[in-house]
C-alpha cells in the first residue's frame, strides 16, 4: 500500500509542477508583451500599434464567429 501512496503523491507533485511551469511561461510571455508595449508607447509608435491591434481584433472576432457557426458539432444520438 505504501507504493500506491507514493505513486499518488508523485503524480500530484508532477501535476503541480506542470501547472506551475505553465503559469510561469504565460507570466514571462505577458511580461515581454508589456515591455514591448511600453517601448512602443515611449517612442510614439503607439498610434500605429493601436491601429494594428484594432484590425487584428476585428479579424479574430470574425474568425471566432465563423468557428462558432461552422465548428465541429456533436454527433446526434
N, C-alpha and C. Protein backbone atom coordinates (compact mmCIF):
# COMPACT_ATOMS: atom_id res chain seq x y z
N UNK A 1 0.82 -1.19 0.00
CA UNK A 1 0.00 0.00 0.00
C UNK A 1 0.87 1.25 0.00
N UNK A 2 2.06 1.13 0.50
CA UNK A 2 2.95 2.29 0.53
C UNK A 2 3.30 2.74 -0.87
N UNK A 3 3.47 1.80 -1.80
CA UNK A 3 3.81 2.14 -3.17
C UNK A 3 2.71 2.94 -3.85
N UNK A 4 1.46 2.61 -3.55
CA UNK A 4 0.33 3.33 -4.14
C UNK A 4 0.31 4.76 -3.64
N UNK A 5 0.55 4.96 -2.34
CA UNK A 5 0.53 6.31 -1.79
C UNK A 5 1.67 7.14 -2.35
N UNK A 6 2.85 6.55 -2.50
CA UNK A 6 3.97 7.29 -3.06
C UNK A 6 3.71 7.65 -4.51
N UNK A 7 3.15 6.72 -5.28
CA UNK A 7 2.85 6.99 -6.68
C UNK A 7 1.82 8.11 -6.79
N UNK A 8 0.79 8.06 -5.95
CA UNK A 8 -0.24 9.09 -5.97
C UNK A 8 0.37 10.45 -5.60
N UNK A 9 1.22 10.46 -4.59
CA UNK A 9 1.87 11.70 -4.16
C UNK A 9 2.76 12.24 -5.28
N UNK A 10 3.49 11.37 -5.94
CA UNK A 10 4.37 11.81 -7.03
C UNK A 10 3.56 12.37 -8.20
N UNK A 11 2.42 11.75 -8.51
CA UNK A 11 1.61 12.26 -9.62
C UNK A 11 1.04 13.64 -9.30
N UNK A 12 0.63 13.86 -8.04
CA UNK A 12 0.16 15.19 -7.66
C UNK A 12 1.29 16.21 -7.72
N UNK A 13 2.47 15.80 -7.30
CA UNK A 13 3.62 16.69 -7.35
C UNK A 13 3.95 17.05 -8.79
N UNK A 14 3.93 16.06 -9.69
CA UNK A 14 4.20 16.33 -11.11
C UNK A 14 3.13 17.22 -11.72
N UNK A 15 1.88 17.00 -11.34
CA UNK A 15 0.79 17.84 -11.85
C UNK A 15 0.96 19.28 -11.38
N UNK A 16 1.34 19.47 -10.12
CA UNK A 16 1.56 20.81 -9.59
C UNK A 16 2.70 21.49 -10.33
N UNK A 17 3.79 20.79 -10.55
CA UNK A 17 4.93 21.38 -11.25
C UNK A 17 4.58 21.72 -12.69
N UNK A 18 3.76 20.89 -13.32
CA UNK A 18 3.34 21.16 -14.69
C UNK A 18 2.49 22.42 -14.74
N UNK A 19 1.54 22.56 -13.82
CA UNK A 19 0.71 23.76 -13.78
C UNK A 19 1.54 24.99 -13.45
N UNK A 20 2.51 24.84 -12.54
CA UNK A 20 3.37 25.96 -12.17
C UNK A 20 4.19 26.41 -13.37
N UNK A 21 4.76 25.46 -14.11
CA UNK A 21 5.54 25.81 -15.29
C UNK A 21 4.67 26.47 -16.35
N UNK A 22 3.44 26.00 -16.50
CA UNK A 22 2.51 26.58 -17.46
C UNK A 22 2.23 28.04 -17.12
N UNK A 23 1.94 28.32 -15.85
CA UNK A 23 1.65 29.69 -15.42
C UNK A 23 2.90 30.56 -15.50
N UNK A 24 4.05 30.01 -15.17
CA UNK A 24 5.29 30.77 -15.25
C UNK A 24 5.59 31.16 -16.69
N UNK A 25 5.33 30.26 -17.61
CA UNK A 25 5.56 30.56 -19.03
C UNK A 25 4.66 31.70 -19.49
N UNK A 26 3.36 31.66 -19.11
CA UNK A 26 2.45 32.74 -19.50
C UNK A 26 2.84 34.05 -18.84
N UNK A 27 3.33 33.99 -17.62
CA UNK A 27 3.78 35.21 -16.94
C UNK A 27 4.92 35.85 -17.71
N UNK A 28 5.87 35.05 -18.14
CA UNK A 28 7.00 35.59 -18.90
C UNK A 28 6.56 36.14 -20.26
N UNK A 29 5.62 35.47 -20.90
CA UNK A 29 5.11 35.95 -22.19
C UNK A 29 4.46 37.32 -22.02
N UNK A 30 3.61 37.46 -20.99
CA UNK A 30 2.94 38.74 -20.78
C UNK A 30 3.92 39.83 -20.34
N UNK A 31 4.98 39.45 -19.63
CA UNK A 31 6.00 40.42 -19.27
C UNK A 31 6.69 40.96 -20.52
N UNK A 32 7.02 40.09 -21.44
CA UNK A 32 7.66 40.51 -22.69
C UNK A 32 6.72 41.40 -23.50
N UNK A 33 5.44 41.03 -23.56
CA UNK A 33 4.46 41.84 -24.29
C UNK A 33 4.35 43.23 -23.64
N UNK A 34 4.35 43.28 -22.31
CA UNK A 34 4.25 44.57 -21.62
C UNK A 34 5.48 45.44 -21.89
N UNK A 35 6.66 44.83 -21.92
CA UNK A 35 7.87 45.58 -22.20
C UNK A 35 7.85 46.14 -23.62
N UNK A 36 7.43 45.32 -24.58
CA UNK A 36 7.35 45.78 -25.96
C UNK A 36 6.32 46.90 -26.10
N UNK A 37 5.17 46.75 -25.43
CA UNK A 37 4.14 47.79 -25.48
C UNK A 37 4.65 49.09 -24.85
N UNK A 38 5.42 48.97 -23.77
CA UNK A 38 5.99 50.15 -23.15
C UNK A 38 6.98 50.86 -24.06
N UNK A 39 7.79 50.07 -24.76
CA UNK A 39 8.74 50.66 -25.71
C UNK A 39 7.99 51.39 -26.82
N UNK A 40 6.93 50.77 -27.35
CA UNK A 40 6.13 51.43 -28.38
C UNK A 40 5.53 52.73 -27.86
N UNK A 41 5.05 52.72 -26.64
CA UNK A 41 4.42 53.90 -26.07
C UNK A 41 5.41 55.03 -25.84
N UNK A 42 6.60 54.69 -25.43
CA UNK A 42 7.60 55.72 -25.16
C UNK A 42 8.14 56.36 -26.43
N UNK A 43 8.16 55.62 -27.51
CA UNK A 43 8.76 56.14 -28.74
C UNK A 43 7.74 56.58 -29.79
N UNK A 44 6.47 56.70 -29.42
CA UNK A 44 5.48 57.27 -30.32
C UNK A 44 4.94 56.32 -31.37
N UNK A 45 5.19 55.05 -31.21
CA UNK A 45 4.68 54.08 -32.18
C UNK A 45 3.32 53.57 -31.73
N UNK A 46 2.81 54.11 -30.66
CA UNK A 46 1.57 53.62 -30.06
C UNK A 46 0.38 53.76 -30.99
N UNK A 47 0.31 54.82 -31.77
CA UNK A 47 -0.83 55.03 -32.67
C UNK A 47 -0.90 53.94 -33.73
N UNK A 48 0.22 53.63 -34.34
CA UNK A 48 0.20 52.57 -35.36
C UNK A 48 -0.02 51.21 -34.72
N UNK A 49 0.52 50.98 -33.53
CA UNK A 49 0.29 49.72 -32.85
C UNK A 49 -1.18 49.57 -32.46
N UNK A 50 -1.82 50.67 -32.07
CA UNK A 50 -3.25 50.62 -31.74
C UNK A 50 -4.08 50.31 -32.97
N UNK A 51 -3.69 50.86 -34.11
CA UNK A 51 -4.42 50.58 -35.35
C UNK A 51 -4.27 49.10 -35.72
N UNK A 52 -3.07 48.58 -35.62
CA UNK A 52 -2.85 47.16 -35.93
C UNK A 52 -3.64 46.29 -34.96
N UNK A 53 -3.67 46.65 -33.69
CA UNK A 53 -4.42 45.89 -32.70
C UNK A 53 -5.91 45.91 -33.00
N UNK A 54 -6.41 47.05 -33.45
CA UNK A 54 -7.82 47.16 -33.79
C UNK A 54 -8.17 46.28 -34.99
N UNK A 55 -7.32 46.28 -36.00
CA UNK A 55 -7.55 45.44 -37.18
C UNK A 55 -7.52 43.97 -36.79
N UNK A 56 -6.52 43.57 -36.00
CA UNK A 56 -6.42 42.17 -35.57
C UNK A 56 -7.61 41.77 -34.71
N UNK A 57 -8.08 42.69 -33.88
CA UNK A 57 -9.24 42.40 -33.04
C UNK A 57 -10.45 42.04 -33.90
N UNK A 58 -10.73 42.84 -34.93
CA UNK A 58 -11.89 42.56 -35.77
C UNK A 58 -11.70 41.30 -36.61
N UNK A 59 -10.48 41.04 -37.04
CA UNK A 59 -10.22 39.80 -37.78
C UNK A 59 -10.50 38.59 -36.89
N UNK A 60 -10.03 38.63 -35.65
CA UNK A 60 -10.25 37.50 -34.75
C UNK A 60 -11.70 37.37 -34.32
N UNK A 61 -12.42 38.47 -34.22
CA UNK A 61 -13.85 38.39 -33.91
C UNK A 61 -14.57 37.68 -35.05
N UNK A 62 -14.25 38.05 -36.28
CA UNK A 62 -14.88 37.39 -37.44
C UNK A 62 -14.53 35.91 -37.45
N UNK A 63 -13.27 35.57 -37.22
CA UNK A 63 -12.87 34.16 -37.20
C UNK A 63 -13.55 33.39 -36.07
N UNK A 64 -13.75 34.04 -34.93
CA UNK A 64 -14.44 33.41 -33.82
C UNK A 64 -15.89 33.10 -34.18
N UNK A 65 -16.56 34.07 -34.79
CA UNK A 65 -17.96 33.86 -35.17
C UNK A 65 -18.07 32.76 -36.22
N UNK A 66 -17.16 32.76 -37.19
CA UNK A 66 -17.18 31.71 -38.21
C UNK A 66 -16.94 30.35 -37.58
N UNK A 67 -16.02 30.26 -36.63
CA UNK A 67 -15.77 28.97 -35.98
C UNK A 67 -16.95 28.52 -35.13
N UNK A 68 -17.70 29.47 -34.57
CA UNK A 68 -18.90 29.10 -33.83
C UNK A 68 -19.97 28.53 -34.76
N UNK A 69 -20.10 29.13 -35.93
CA UNK A 69 -21.13 28.69 -36.87
C UNK A 69 -20.76 27.38 -37.53
N UNK A 70 -19.53 27.27 -38.02
CA UNK A 70 -19.13 26.10 -38.79
C UNK A 70 -18.25 25.13 -38.01
N UNK A 71 -18.16 25.31 -36.70
CA UNK A 71 -17.30 24.46 -35.88
C UNK A 71 -17.79 23.03 -35.82
N UNK A 72 -16.96 22.18 -35.24
CA UNK A 72 -17.30 20.77 -35.12
C UNK A 72 -18.51 20.61 -34.21
N UNK A 73 -19.49 19.90 -34.71
CA UNK A 73 -20.72 19.71 -33.96
C UNK A 73 -20.74 18.29 -33.40
N UNK A 74 -21.46 18.13 -32.29
CA UNK A 74 -21.60 16.80 -31.70
C UNK A 74 -22.48 15.94 -32.59
N UNK A 75 -22.12 14.66 -32.71
CA UNK A 75 -23.00 13.77 -33.46
C UNK A 75 -24.28 13.51 -32.67
N UNK A 76 -25.38 13.48 -33.37
CA UNK A 76 -26.66 13.24 -32.70
C UNK A 76 -26.81 11.76 -32.42
N UNK A 77 -27.37 11.46 -31.27
CA UNK A 77 -27.51 10.06 -30.84
C UNK A 77 -28.87 9.55 -31.17
